Structure formats: structure tokens, C-alpha cells
C-alpha atoms as a PDB file:
ATOM      1  CA  MET A   1     118.396  99.463  82.888  1.00  0.00           C
ATOM      2  CA  ALA A   2     122.088  99.644  82.326  1.00  0.00           C
ATOM      3  CA  ARG A   3     121.919 103.349  82.265  1.00  0.00           C
ATOM      4  CA  GLN A   4     119.760 103.601  85.259  1.00  0.00           C
ATOM      5  CA  ALA A   5     122.352 101.376  86.957  1.00  0.00           C
ATOM      6  CA  ARG A   6     125.237 103.846  86.486  1.00  0.00           C
ATOM      7  CA  GLN A   7     123.332 106.460  87.966  1.00  0.00           C
ATOM      8  CA  LEU A   8     122.774 104.483  91.294  1.00  0.00           C
ATOM      9  CA  THR A   9     125.127 104.915  94.056  1.00  0.00           C
ATOM     10  CA  HIS A  10     125.757 101.812  96.506  1.00  0.00           C
ATOM     11  CA  ARG A  11     126.923 102.679 100.125  1.00  0.00           C
ATOM     12  CA  LEU A  12     127.670 100.717 103.303  1.00  0.00           C
ATOM     13  CA  VAL A  13     127.024 102.853 106.309  1.00  0.00           C
ATOM     14  CA  PRO A  14     127.367 102.214 110.071  1.00  0.00           C
ATOM     15  CA  SER A  15     124.209 101.250 112.018  1.00  0.00           C
ATOM     16  CA  PRO A  16     123.467  99.403 115.303  1.00  0.00           C
ATOM     17  CA  ALA A  17     123.159  96.204 113.074  1.00  0.00           C
ATOM     18  CA  GLY A  18     127.024  96.661 111.947  1.00  0.00           C
ATOM     19  CA  ARG A  19     126.284  97.984 108.298  1.00  0.00           C
ATOM     20  CA  ILE A  20     123.587  98.741 106.337  1.00  0.00           C
ATOM     21  CA  HIS A  21     123.579  98.449 102.536  1.00  0.00           C
ATOM     22  CA  LEU A  22     121.667 101.070 100.558  1.00  0.00           C
ATOM     23  CA  VAL A  23     121.331 102.492  97.078  1.00  0.00           C
ATOM     24  CA  GLU A  24     120.542 105.955  96.504  1.00  0.00           C
ATOM     25  CA  GLN A  25     119.608 108.107  93.486  1.00  0.00           C
ATOM     26  CA  GLY A  26     119.020 111.852  93.217  1.00  0.00           C
ATOM     27  CA  THR A  27     119.352 114.923  95.292  1.00  0.00           C
ATOM     28  CA  GLY A  28     116.935 116.995  97.500  1.00  0.00           C
ATOM     29  CA  PRO A  29     115.032 115.811 100.465  1.00  0.00           C
ATOM     30  CA  LEU A  30     115.810 112.357 101.682  1.00  0.00           C
ATOM     31  CA  VAL A  31     113.190 109.585 101.086  1.00  0.00           C
ATOM     32  CA  LEU A  32     113.930 106.132 102.900  1.00  0.00           C
ATOM     33  CA  LEU A  33     112.520 103.225 101.215  1.00  0.00           C
ATOM     34  CA  LEU A  34     112.068  99.884 103.103  1.00  0.00           C
ATOM     35  CA  HIS A  35     111.387  96.629 101.398  1.00  0.00           C
ATOM     36  CA  GLY A  36     109.518  93.619 102.891  1.00  0.00           C
ATOM     37  CA  PHE A  37     109.804  89.892 102.629  1.00  0.00           C
ATOM     38  CA  PRO A  38     111.190  88.410 100.591  1.00  0.00           C
ATOM     39  CA  GLU A  39     112.762  91.188  98.715  1.00  0.00           C
ATOM     40  CA  CYS A  40     115.859  93.541  98.960  1.00  0.00           C
ATOM     41  CA  TRP A  41     116.614  97.196  97.772  1.00  0.00           C
ATOM     42  CA  TYR A  42     115.805  96.043  94.352  1.00  0.00           C
ATOM     43  CA  SER A  43     112.206  96.073  94.828  1.00  0.00           C
ATOM     44  CA  TRP A  44     112.411 100.046  94.545  1.00  0.00           C
ATOM     45  CA  ARG A  45     114.303 100.048  91.452  1.00  0.00           C
ATOM     46  CA  HIS A  46     111.299 101.791  89.519  1.00  0.00           C
ATOM     47  CA  GLN A  47     110.815 104.225  92.099  1.00  0.00           C
ATOM     48  CA  LEU A  48     114.602 105.464  92.549  1.00  0.00           C
ATOM     49  CA  PRO A  49     114.440 107.145  89.400  1.00  0.00           C
ATOM     50  CA  ALA A  50     111.317 108.519  89.544  1.00  0.00           C
ATOM     51  CA  LEU A  51     111.886 110.218  92.965  1.00  0.00           C
ATOM     52  CA  ALA A  52     115.146 111.342  91.579  1.00  0.00           C
ATOM     53  CA  ALA A  53     113.692 112.818  88.565  1.00  0.00           C
ATOM     54  CA  ALA A  54     111.160 114.568  90.859  1.00  0.00           C
ATOM     55  CA  GLY A  55     113.770 116.219  92.872  1.00  0.00           C
ATOM     56  CA  TYR A  56     114.251 113.781  95.801  1.00  0.00           C
ATOM     57  CA  ARG A  57     117.217 111.891  97.194  1.00  0.00           C
ATOM     58  CA  ALA A  58     115.884 108.475  97.134  1.00  0.00           C
ATOM     59  CA  ALA A  59     117.640 105.536  99.343  1.00  0.00           C
ATOM     60  CA  ALA A  60     116.457 101.976  99.123  1.00  0.00           C
ATOM     61  CA  VAL A  61     118.161 100.028 101.904  1.00  0.00           C
ATOM     62  CA  ASP A  62     118.829  96.489 102.578  1.00  0.00           C
ATOM     63  CA  VAL A  63     116.855  95.838 105.903  1.00  0.00           C
ATOM     64  CA  ARG A  64     119.092  93.977 108.441  1.00  0.00           C
ATOM     65  CA  GLY A  65     119.390  90.385 107.545  1.00  0.00           C
ATOM     66  CA  TYR A  66     118.985  90.856 103.957  1.00  0.00           C
ATOM     67  CA  GLY A  67     121.226  91.514 100.964  1.00  0.00           C
ATOM     68  CA  ARG A  68     124.488  93.046 101.812  1.00  0.00           C
ATOM     69  CA  SER A  69     123.620  94.485 105.255  1.00  0.00           C
ATOM     70  CA  SER A  70     124.805  92.736 108.390  1.00  0.00           C
ATOM     71  CA  ARG A  71     122.871  89.533 109.475  1.00  0.00           C
ATOM     72  CA  PRO A  72     123.190  89.608 113.424  1.00  0.00           C
ATOM     73  CA  ALA A  73     122.762  86.408 115.184  1.00  0.00           C
ATOM     74  CA  GLY A  74     119.469  85.409 116.909  1.00  0.00           C
ATOM     75  CA  ALA A  75     115.929  86.459 116.558  1.00  0.00           C
ATOM     76  CA  ALA A  76     116.158  89.076 119.303  1.00  0.00           C
ATOM     77  CA  ALA A  77     118.347  91.369 117.048  1.00  0.00           C
ATOM     78  CA  TYR A  78     115.393  91.789 114.576  1.00  0.00           C
ATOM     79  CA  ARG A  79     113.018  93.345 117.093  1.00  0.00           C
ATOM     80  CA  MET A  80     111.228  96.435 115.882  1.00  0.00           C
ATOM     81  CA  VAL A  81     113.084  98.958 118.055  1.00  0.00           C
ATOM     82  CA  GLU A  82     116.406  97.612 116.428  1.00  0.00           C
ATOM     83  CA  LEU A  83     115.030  98.187 112.897  1.00  0.00           C
ATOM     84  CA  VAL A  84     113.907 101.661 113.808  1.00  0.00           C
ATOM     85  CA  ALA A  85     117.262 102.305 115.175  1.00  0.00           C
ATOM     86  CA  ASP A  86     119.019 101.257 112.037  1.00  0.00           C
ATOM     87  CA  GLY A  87     116.614 103.728 110.003  1.00  0.00           C
ATOM     88  CA  ALA A  88     117.555 106.622 112.121  1.00  0.00           C
ATOM     89  CA  ALA A  89     121.118 105.837 111.748  1.00  0.00           C
ATOM     90  CA  VAL A  90     121.070 105.616 108.081  1.00  0.00           C
ATOM     91  CA  VAL A  91     119.540 109.101 108.225  1.00  0.00           C
ATOM     92  CA  ARG A  92     122.235 110.465 110.300  1.00  0.00           C
ATOM     93  CA  ALA A  93     125.003 108.482 108.243  1.00  0.00           C
ATOM     94  CA  LEU A  94     123.667 110.243 104.946  1.00  0.00           C
ATOM     95  CA  GLY A  95     124.275 113.628 106.672  1.00  0.00           C
ATOM     96  CA  GLU A  96     120.500 114.615 107.105  1.00  0.00           C
ATOM     97  CA  GLU A  97     118.338 115.329 110.036  1.00  0.00           C
ATOM     98  CA  SER A  98     115.243 114.037 109.050  1.00  0.00           C
ATOM     99  CA  ALA A  99     113.493 112.051 106.337  1.00  0.00           C
ATOM    100  CA  VAL A 100     110.283 110.786 104.750  1.00  0.00           C
ATOM    101  CA  VAL A 101     110.099 106.975 105.223  1.00  0.00           C
ATOM    102  CA  VAL A 102     108.013 104.617 102.984  1.00  0.00           C
ATOM    103  CA  GLY A 103     107.840 101.013 103.427  1.00  0.00           C
ATOM    104  CA  HIS A 104     106.368  97.979 101.782  1.00  0.00           C
ATOM    105  CA  ASP A 105     104.947  94.718 103.579  1.00  0.00           C
ATOM    106  CA  TRP A 106     107.424  94.329 106.619  1.00  0.00           C
ATOM    107  CA  GLY A 107     109.076  97.514 105.455  1.00  0.00           C
ATOM    108  CA  SER A 108     105.514  99.418 105.929  1.00  0.00           C
ATOM    109  CA  ALA A 109     105.290  98.091 109.690  1.00  0.00           C
ATOM    110  CA  ILE A 110     109.109  99.217 110.057  1.00  0.00           C
ATOM    111  CA  ALA A 111     108.256 102.744 108.596  1.00  0.00           C
ATOM    112  CA  ALA A 112     105.221 103.171 110.722  1.00  0.00           C
ATOM    113  CA  ASN A 113     107.009 102.480 113.728  1.00  0.00           C
ATOM    114  CA  CYS A 114     110.260 104.877 112.697  1.00  0.00           C
ATOM    115  CA  ALA A 115     107.345 107.619 112.628  1.00  0.00           C
ATOM    116  CA  LEU A 116     105.997 106.337 115.922  1.00  0.00           C
ATOM    117  CA  LEU A 117     109.250 106.058 117.839  1.00  0.00           C
ATOM    118  CA  GLU A 118     111.535 108.825 116.083  1.00  0.00           C
ATOM    119  CA  PRO A 119     108.994 111.478 115.018  1.00  0.00           C
ATOM    120  CA  GLU A 120     111.593 114.057 115.007  1.00  0.00           C
ATOM    121  CA  VAL A 121     113.602 112.122 112.502  1.00  0.00           C
ATOM    122  CA  PHE A 122     110.856 110.720 110.318  1.00  0.00           C
ATOM    123  CA  ARG A 123     108.622 113.659 109.318  1.00  0.00           C
ATOM    124  CA  ALA A 124     106.022 111.727 107.099  1.00  0.00           C
ATOM    125  CA  VAL A 125     105.335 108.021 106.444  1.00  0.00           C
ATOM    126  CA  GLY A 126     104.203 106.271 103.425  1.00  0.00           C
ATOM    127  CA  LEU A 127     102.733 102.427 103.811  1.00  0.00           C
ATOM    128  CA  LEU A 128     102.474 100.140 100.957  1.00  0.00           C
ATOM    129  CA  SER A 129     100.442  96.936 101.135  1.00  0.00           C
ATOM    130  CA  VAL A 130     100.186  96.702 104.867  1.00  0.00           C
ATOM    131  CA  PRO A 131      98.389  99.232 107.014  1.00  0.00           C
ATOM    132  CA  TYR A 132      99.559 100.750 110.410  1.00  0.00           C
ATOM    133  CA  ILE A 133      98.328  98.245 113.086  1.00  0.00           C
ATOM    134  CA  PRO A 134      99.041  99.764 116.503  1.00  0.00           C
ATOM    135  CA  ARG A 135     100.598  97.564 119.359  1.00  0.00           C
ATOM    136  CA  GLY A 136      97.615  96.038 121.289  1.00  0.00           C
ATOM    137  CA  GLY A 137      95.384  92.961 122.081  1.00  0.00           C
ATOM    138  CA  SER A 138      97.051  89.574 122.558  1.00  0.00           C
ATOM    139  CA  ARG A 139     100.636  88.311 121.488  1.00  0.00           C
ATOM    140  CA  PRO A 140     101.027  88.521 117.806  1.00  0.00           C
ATOM    141  CA  GLY A 141     101.978  84.799 117.741  1.00  0.00           C
ATOM    142  CA  ALA A 142      99.124  83.656 119.431  1.00  0.00           C
ATOM    143  CA  VAL A 143      96.754  85.586 117.114  1.00  0.00           C
ATOM    144  CA  CYS A 144      98.617  84.220 113.909  1.00  0.00           C
ATOM    145  CA  ALA A 145      98.422  80.594 115.395  1.00  0.00           C
ATOM    146  CA  ALA A 146      94.636  81.064 115.880  1.00  0.00           C
ATOM    147  CA  MET A 147      93.972  82.118 112.360  1.00  0.00           C
ATOM    148  CA  GLY A 148      94.539  78.844 110.385  1.00  0.00           C
ATOM    149  CA  GLY A 149      91.798  76.889 111.822  1.00  0.00           C
ATOM    150  CA  ASP A 150      92.710  73.310 110.478  1.00  0.00           C
ATOM    151  CA  GLU A 151      95.585  74.618 108.310  1.00  0.00           C
ATOM    152  CA  GLU A 152      98.549  76.687 109.354  1.00  0.00           C
ATOM    153  CA  PHE A 153      98.960  80.342 108.608  1.00  0.00           C
ATOM    154  CA  TYR A 154     102.272  81.113 106.819  1.00  0.00           C
ATOM    155  CA  ILE A 155     103.432  83.410 109.574  1.00  0.00           C
ATOM    156  CA  THR A 156     103.195  80.727 112.083  1.00  0.00           C
ATOM    157  CA  ARG A 157     105.088  78.566 109.773  1.00  0.00           C
ATOM    158  CA  PHE A 158     107.961  81.258 109.330  1.00  0.00           C
ATOM    159  CA  ARG A 159     108.170  81.815 113.155  1.00  0.00           C
ATOM    160  CA  ARG A 160     109.269  78.162 113.764  1.00  0.00           C
ATOM    161  CA  GLU A 161     113.167  78.032 113.413  1.00  0.00           C
ATOM    162  CA  GLY A 162     114.500  76.089 110.681  1.00  0.00           C
ATOM    163  CA  ARG A 163     111.062  74.821 109.115  1.00  0.00           C
ATOM    164  CA  ALA A 164     110.816  77.455 106.427  1.00  0.00           C
ATOM    165  CA  GLU A 165     114.465  77.579 105.552  1.00  0.00           C
ATOM    166  CA  ALA A 166     114.100  73.630 105.096  1.00  0.00           C
ATOM    167  CA  GLU A 167     111.558  74.134 102.496  1.00  0.00           C
ATOM    168  CA  ILE A 168     112.990  77.227 100.738  1.00  0.00           C
ATOM    169  CA  GLU A 169     116.831  76.781 100.660  1.00  0.00           C
ATOM    170  CA  PRO A 170     117.091  73.784  98.563  1.00  0.00           C
ATOM    171  CA  ASP A 171     115.402  75.620  95.551  1.00  0.00           C
ATOM    172  CA  VAL A 172     115.521  79.371  96.213  1.00  0.00           C
ATOM    173  CA  ARG A 173     114.581  80.520  92.749  1.00  0.00           C
ATOM    174  CA  GLY A 174     111.716  78.215  92.289  1.00  0.00           C
ATOM    175  CA  TRP A 175     110.266  79.028  95.865  1.00  0.00           C
ATOM    176  CA  LEU A 176     110.737  82.728  95.211  1.00  0.00           C
ATOM    177  CA  ALA A 177     109.197  82.523  91.772  1.00  0.00           C
ATOM    178  CA  GLY A 178     106.199  80.894  93.102  1.00  0.00           C
ATOM    179  CA  PHE A 179     105.454  82.991  96.194  1.00  0.00           C
ATOM    180  CA  TYR A 180     105.857  86.090  94.042  1.00  0.00           C
ATOM    181  CA  ALA A 181     103.222  84.560  91.563  1.00  0.00           C
ATOM    182  CA  ALA A 182     100.867  83.341  94.315  1.00  0.00           C
ATOM    183  CA  LEU A 183     100.408  86.978  95.463  1.00  0.00           C
ATOM    184  CA  SER A 184     100.499  88.864  92.065  1.00  0.00           C
ATOM    185  CA  ALA A 185      97.263  89.829  90.557  1.00  0.00           C
ATOM    186  CA  ASP A 186      98.096  88.217  87.066  1.00  0.00           C
ATOM    187  CA  THR A 187      99.205  84.821  88.283  1.00  0.00           C
ATOM    188  CA  MET A 188      97.466  84.358  91.724  1.00  0.00           C
ATOM    189  CA  PRO A 189      95.271  81.284  92.280  1.00  0.00           C
ATOM    190  CA  PRO A 190      91.797  81.569  90.813  1.00  0.00           C
ATOM    191  CA  PRO A 191      88.653  82.528  93.134  1.00  0.00           C
ATOM    192  CA  GLY A 192      87.686  79.483  95.069  1.00  0.00           C
ATOM    193  CA  ALA A 193      91.332  78.114  95.041  1.00  0.00           C
ATOM    194  CA  PRO A 194      92.989  77.228  98.299  1.00  0.00           C
ATOM    195  CA  ASP A 195      94.454  80.338  99.923  1.00  0.00           C
ATOM    196  CA  PRO A 196      98.055  80.348  99.228  1.00  0.00           C
ATOM    197  CA  LEU A 197      98.875  81.936 102.685  1.00  0.00           C
ATOM    198  CA  PHE A 198      97.488  78.872 104.508  1.00  0.00           C
ATOM    199  CA  VAL A 199      98.472  75.204 104.345  1.00  0.00           C
ATOM    200  CA  PRO A 200      97.979  71.939 105.496  1.00  0.00           C
ATOM    201  CA  VAL A 201     100.221  71.430 108.842  1.00  0.00           C
ATOM    202  CA  ASP A 202     102.095  68.560 107.084  1.00  0.00           C
ATOM    203  CA  GLY A 203     102.087  70.192 103.763  1.00  0.00           C
ATOM    204  CA  LEU A 204     104.281  72.810 102.128  1.00  0.00           C
ATOM    205  CA  LEU A 205     103.614  76.238 101.293  1.00  0.00           C
ATOM    206  CA  ARG A 206     104.890  75.569  97.698  1.00  0.00           C
ATOM    207  CA  GLU A 207     102.133  73.336  97.144  1.00  0.00           C
ATOM    208  CA  ARG A 208      99.604  76.133  97.079  1.00  0.00           C
ATOM    209  CA  PHE A 209     101.777  78.058  94.660  1.00  0.00           C
ATOM    210  CA  PRO A 210     100.232  78.442  91.018  1.00  0.00           C
ATOM    211  CA  ALA A 211     101.398  76.293  88.435  1.00  0.00           C
ATOM    212  CA  GLY A 212     101.789  78.729  85.527  1.00  0.00           C
ATOM    213  CA  GLY A 213     104.745  80.992  84.789  1.00  0.00           C
ATOM    214  CA  PRO A 214     106.128  83.895  86.732  1.00  0.00           C
ATOM    215  CA  PRO A 215     104.261  87.279  87.080  1.00  0.00           C
ATOM    216  CA  GLY A 216     104.257  89.879  84.370  1.00  0.00           C
ATOM    217  CA  TRP A 217     106.261  92.302  86.343  1.00  0.00           C
ATOM    218  CA  LEU A 218     109.063  89.642  87.066  1.00  0.00           C
ATOM    219  CA  GLY A 219     111.566  89.291  84.247  1.00  0.00           C
ATOM    220  CA  GLU A 220     114.292  86.543  84.646  1.00  0.00           C
ATOM    221  CA  ASP A 221     116.902  89.149  85.323  1.00  0.00           C
ATOM    222  CA  ASP A 222     114.926  90.442  88.105  1.00  0.00           C
ATOM    223  CA  LEU A 223     114.508  86.945  89.594  1.00  0.00           C
ATOM    224  CA  ASP A 224     118.173  86.620  89.211  1.00  0.00           C
ATOM    225  CA  VAL A 225     118.838  89.497  91.449  1.00  0.00           C
ATOM    226  CA  TYR A 226     116.445  88.164  94.027  1.00  0.00           C
ATOM    227  CA  ALA A 227     117.543  84.490  93.796  1.00  0.00           C
ATOM    228  CA  GLY A 228     121.144  85.445  93.836  1.00  0.00           C
ATOM    229  CA  GLU A 229     120.823  87.653  97.067  1.00  0.00           C
ATOM    230  CA  PHE A 230     119.054  84.750  99.005  1.00  0.00           C
ATOM    231  CA  GLU A 231     121.268  81.917  97.785  1.00  0.00           C
ATOM    232  CA  ARG A 232     124.253  83.892  99.146  1.00  0.00           C
ATOM    233  CA  THR A 233     122.757  84.958 102.393  1.00  0.00           C
ATOM    234  CA  GLY A 234     120.307  82.259 103.275  1.00  0.00           C
ATOM    235  CA  PHE A 235     116.663  83.200 104.733  1.00  0.00           C
ATOM    236  CA  THR A 236     117.213  82.965 108.373  1.00  0.00           C
ATOM    237  CA  GLY A 237     117.930  86.616 108.894  1.00  0.00           C
ATOM    238  CA  ALA A 238     114.828  87.554 106.778  1.00  0.00           C
ATOM    239  CA  LEU A 239     112.718  85.198 108.870  1.00  0.00           C
ATOM    240  CA  ASN A 240     113.953  86.378 112.028  1.00  0.00           C
ATOM    241  CA  ARG A 241     111.700  89.437 111.697  1.00  0.00           C
ATOM    242  CA  TYR A 242     108.765  87.095 112.121  1.00  0.00           C
ATOM    243  CA  ARG A 243     110.308  85.432 115.134  1.00  0.00           C
ATOM    244  CA  ALA A 244     110.700  88.721 116.883  1.00  0.00           C
ATOM    245  CA  MET A 245     107.174  89.639 116.936  1.00  0.00           C
ATOM    246  CA  ASP A 246     106.194  88.843 120.260  1.00  0.00           C
ATOM    247  CA  ARG A 247     109.288  90.399 121.465  1.00  0.00           C
ATOM    248  CA  ASP A 248     107.762  93.564 119.698  1.00  0.00           C
ATOM    249  CA  TRP A 249     104.825  93.165 121.709  1.00  0.00           C
ATOM    250  CA  GLU A 250     106.685  93.479 124.955  1.00  0.00           C
ATOM    251  CA  ASP A 251     109.138  96.349 123.881  1.00  0.00           C
ATOM    252  CA  LEU A 252     106.213  98.464 122.669  1.00  0.00           C
ATOM    253  CA  ALA A 253     103.980  98.158 125.591  1.00  0.00           C
ATOM    254  CA  ALA A 254     104.024 101.924 126.239  1.00  0.00           C
ATOM    255  CA  PHE A 255     102.790 102.389 122.895  1.00  0.00           C
ATOM    256  CA  ASP A 256      99.600 100.308 123.208  1.00  0.00           C
ATOM    257  CA  GLY A 257      97.053 101.617 120.651  1.00  0.00           C
ATOM    258  CA  ALA A 258      99.272 104.811 119.983  1.00  0.00           C
ATOM    259  CA  PRO A 259      98.448 106.648 116.696  1.00  0.00           C
ATOM    260  CA  VAL A 260     100.929 107.813 114.218  1.00  0.00           C
ATOM    261  CA  THR A 261     100.611 111.316 113.821  1.00  0.00           C
ATOM    262  CA  ARG A 262     102.927 112.125 111.008  1.00  0.00           C
ATOM    263  CA  PRO A 263     101.424 113.102 107.575  1.00  0.00           C
ATOM    264  CA  ALA A 264     100.694 109.696 106.154  1.00  0.00           C
ATOM    265  CA  LEU A 265     100.059 107.830 102.806  1.00  0.00           C
ATOM    266  CA  TYR A 266      98.580 104.223 102.293  1.00  0.00           C
ATOM    267  CA  ILE A 267      98.499 102.266  98.791  1.00  0.00           C
ATOM    268  CA  GLY A 268      97.316  98.666  98.512  1.00  0.00           C
ATOM    269  CA  GLY A 269      96.490  96.469  95.763  1.00  0.00           C
ATOM    270  CA  ALA A 270      92.833  95.561  95.609  1.00  0.00           C
ATOM    271  CA  ARG A 271      93.466  91.978  94.772  1.00  0.00           C
ATOM    272  CA  ASP A 272      96.131  91.710  97.588  1.00  0.00           C
ATOM    273  CA  ALA A 273      95.433  88.031  99.092  1.00  0.00           C
ATOM    274  CA  SER A 274      96.123  89.618 102.643  1.00  0.00           C
ATOM    275  CA  MET A 275      93.047  92.221 102.205  1.00  0.00           C
ATOM    276  CA  SER A 276      90.791  89.330 103.550  1.00  0.00           C
ATOM    277  CA  TRP A 277      92.411  89.623 107.034  1.00  0.00           C
ATOM    278  CA  LEU A 278      93.554  93.234 106.842  1.00  0.00           C
ATOM    279  CA  ALA A 279      90.572  94.972 105.618  1.00  0.00           C
ATOM    280  CA  ALA A 280      89.495  95.939 109.121  1.00  0.00           C
ATOM    281  CA  ALA A 281      92.909  97.587 109.640  1.00  0.00           C
ATOM    282  CA  ILE A 282      92.752  99.500 106.531  1.00  0.00           C
ATOM    283  CA  ASP A 283      89.286 100.698 107.352  1.00  0.00           C
ATOM    284  CA  ALA A 284      90.829 101.897 110.766  1.00  0.00           C
ATOM    285  CA  GLN A 285      93.482 103.849 109.523  1.00  0.00           C
ATOM    286  CA  PRO A 286      91.853 107.209 109.631  1.00  0.00           C
ATOM    287  CA  ALA A 287      91.573 106.536 113.402  1.00  0.00           C
ATOM    288  CA  VAL A 288      95.159 105.337 113.918  1.00  0.00           C
ATOM    289  CA  LEU A 289      96.724 107.665 111.346  1.00  0.00           C
ATOM    290  CA  PRO A 290      95.310 111.018 111.914  1.00  0.00           C
ATOM    291  CA  GLY A 291      97.601 112.405 109.543  1.00  0.00           C
ATOM    292  CA  LEU A 292      96.390 110.207 106.627  1.00  0.00           C
ATOM    293  CA  VAL A 293      96.458 112.426 103.805  1.00  0.00           C
ATOM    294  CA  SER A 294      94.949 109.914 101.066  1.00  0.00           C
ATOM    295  CA  SER A 295      94.382 106.258 100.610  1.00  0.00           C
ATOM    296  CA  HIS A 296      94.638 104.184  97.432  1.00  0.00           C
ATOM    297  CA  LEU A 297      93.507 100.595  96.707  1.00  0.00           C
ATOM    298  CA  LEU A 298      94.811  99.906  92.995  1.00  0.00           C
ATOM    299  CA  ALA A 299      92.581  97.793  90.841  1.00  0.00           C
ATOM    300  CA  ASP A 300      93.854  94.799  89.318  1.00  0.00           C
ATOM    301  CA  CYS A 301      97.057  94.916  91.590  1.00  0.00           C
ATOM    302  CA  GLY A 302      98.164  92.209  94.083  1.00  0.00           C
ATOM    303  CA  HIS A 303     100.659  92.467  97.060  1.00  0.00           C
ATOM    304  CA  TRP A 304     103.783  93.648  95.037  1.00  0.00           C
ATOM    305  CA  VAL A 305     102.320  96.941  94.236  1.00  0.00           C
ATOM    306  CA  GLN A 306     105.242  99.080  93.548  1.00  0.00           C
ATOM    307  CA  GLN A 307     106.568  96.421  91.029  1.00  0.00           C
ATOM    308  CA  GLU A 308     103.160  95.504  89.694  1.00  0.00           C
ATOM    309  CA  ALA A 309     102.081  98.948  89.149  1.00  0.00           C
ATOM    310  CA  PRO A 310     105.309 101.094  89.038  1.00  0.00           C
ATOM    311  CA  GLY A 311     104.220 104.184  87.317  1.00  0.00           C
ATOM    312  CA  GLU A 312     100.965 104.718  89.456  1.00  0.00           C
ATOM    313  CA  VAL A 313     102.671 104.025  92.761  1.00  0.00           C
ATOM    314  CA  SER A 314     105.779 106.480  91.594  1.00  0.00           C
ATOM    315  CA  ARG A 315     102.888 109.121  90.511  1.00  0.00           C
ATOM    316  CA  LEU A 316     101.159 108.731  93.986  1.00  0.00           C
ATOM    317  CA  LEU A 317     104.479 109.116  95.980  1.00  0.00           C
ATOM    318  CA  VAL A 318     105.584 112.049  94.144  1.00  0.00           C
ATOM    319  CA  ASP A 319     102.049 113.890  94.405  1.00  0.00           C
ATOM    320  CA  TRP A 320     102.002 113.123  98.188  1.00  0.00           C
ATOM    321  CA  LEU A 321     105.480 114.108  98.562  1.00  0.00           C
ATOM    322  CA  ASP A 322     105.341 117.329  96.683  1.00  0.00           C
ATOM    323  CA  ALA A 323     102.416 118.461  99.000  1.00  0.00           C
ATOM    324  CA  LEU A 324     104.316 117.785 102.153  1.00  0.00           C
ATOM    325  CA  PRO A 325     105.587 120.736 104.204  1.00  0.00           C
ATOM    326  CA  ARG A 326     109.436 121.071 103.521  1.00  0.00           C
END
């Protein structure tokens, strides 16, 4: 790990957010890596050297609101159009005209919209865990609020300013460890146990976290990195992405139902808890991603695919990248 760290280059580059922090490794065609919640550039620590060894310039960013990147005030600053603008600015700041963009979780949604809104900049898109879901239907906030029934869906909880912060920030390390464990294949609650993504309205998410130890992919040093970043920054910047969802629905009205036509790849975990409510979107991907090259559900893998199955994810990414037109 120490040898790998010496090969990594940290940069701060200008963007509409103010600055974006990124970590890059390798030379060759640019591959932009976008993390999800609650993570940072470090979630791509296994893919950076793998992509570099395969002849690519891999750049893992801290999305605005996270890590060492700027944290603008107000949820409106975390709209999808702003995050896409950050991505395009990073490509330009690195001296490139185009890039392949790969994202996980919220990063997947950002990556898909990068390819949708800036197709001349982003020549292909890789989606991990979360499939592309075109804009359409009702406001996302209303859809999420209706999902919980007698309980509250986690996204609805995250959208309420201050509520999630009050639960998480008194014990950042413990909450992160529990959240990661709840959505990892080797530590998630057993079949029949309450869904960790839903919680009684007057309860806490952490009450649904598994009682055992951390997942196998998360070492103490890894947890130190994540906890250290969020102890320093707090969670409001990260949670503002959830709070901007309805603004996205307004901003992207002209793209209602629009497909992403760039060459695409999807990788998910077969045991990801979100598969229960994303299954239909995954099945619809050939229609909304007409450039879909391949789709993979990894057995015995939960939500954190590139960390739970780093070797397999890296191999799939490299094989896909190698087959793309240059």
C-alpha cells in the first residue's frame, strides 16, 4: 500500500464548485472515476493501479461536498447539472478533450448524466451498482416518500436537513462501519431480517445495522480514511445531493425519458439490498442504454462492488475499456 501511495498524484483543479480534489495514476486515455455515498476518491484505490497498469490515466475525484473538494453552501449547489459541469471542468483541467467516465452509487447517476449532457466530452460510461434511470414520472422526493409504507425510506430521511447529520455526526466512525456492513454481502442482515434501508419514522438507521464486525473488504486503515474525511468535513455536503433531487427533475425536463447513447457498461452486486427496488431499472437498461456493451451481476457481492470484488471489477473495466474505439 505504501508503494502504491507513492505512485499516486494528488491534484486540486479549478471547477464551478471552486476546486475539485482528485488522485490520479498512470498515463494514456483518461478514465474519470466518481464515487458515491458515503465515500471519497479512496473507494477506487484498487482500480487506480489496475487501470494504470493497463495503459490508462485513471483519475478518482472527490465529488463536490466530499473530501478535499469544495463544499458550496446550499442544496441547490449540488444539482446534477452542477456536478456534470464539475466533471467536464476536471477533464479540461487535466489537459484532455474527452474521457471515459465510470461511477458508483451516486457517482453512477452523475456519470450517466455526464454522458447524457456532455456527450462530446464523455465518450463512454461505466455504471456500478446503480443503473441509469432517465428523468420522468413524478418528482423523486414524492416517489421516495411513498416507498416506505409504515416506515421511512433512507433517502427520505437523508433529504430532511439536519436529521441525518444529527444521527451520524456524534459517532462518524461507528455509523460508517455499520452502514458499510449493512450493504456488504458478507455482513448484511440475514434473509427475513428488517431491511436496513427502511426504518421506523421515530427510529434510527443505525438500529438496523448488523451487530457483527466490519465487512471483509474494510480494514481498520480503510475505515480510518473514510472516518477521518467525514470527521473533518461533516456530512451536509454529501447529503445535499439527496436534497437536490427534485431540482434535478426540474432542470432536466427537456431530457425526459432520454437514452444515453454512448458505449456503456453495467456492473452490480447480485446481493445488493437495493436490487429489490432497482430490478426493473436494470431490466430496462438495453432500452435506455442502447450502447450497452455488457451487463454483469457479481455473485456473493453487495453494494460496494469495486471494493468487495476489486479484482473482478478491475478486469471487467479493463476488458471493456480495451474494446472501446480510441
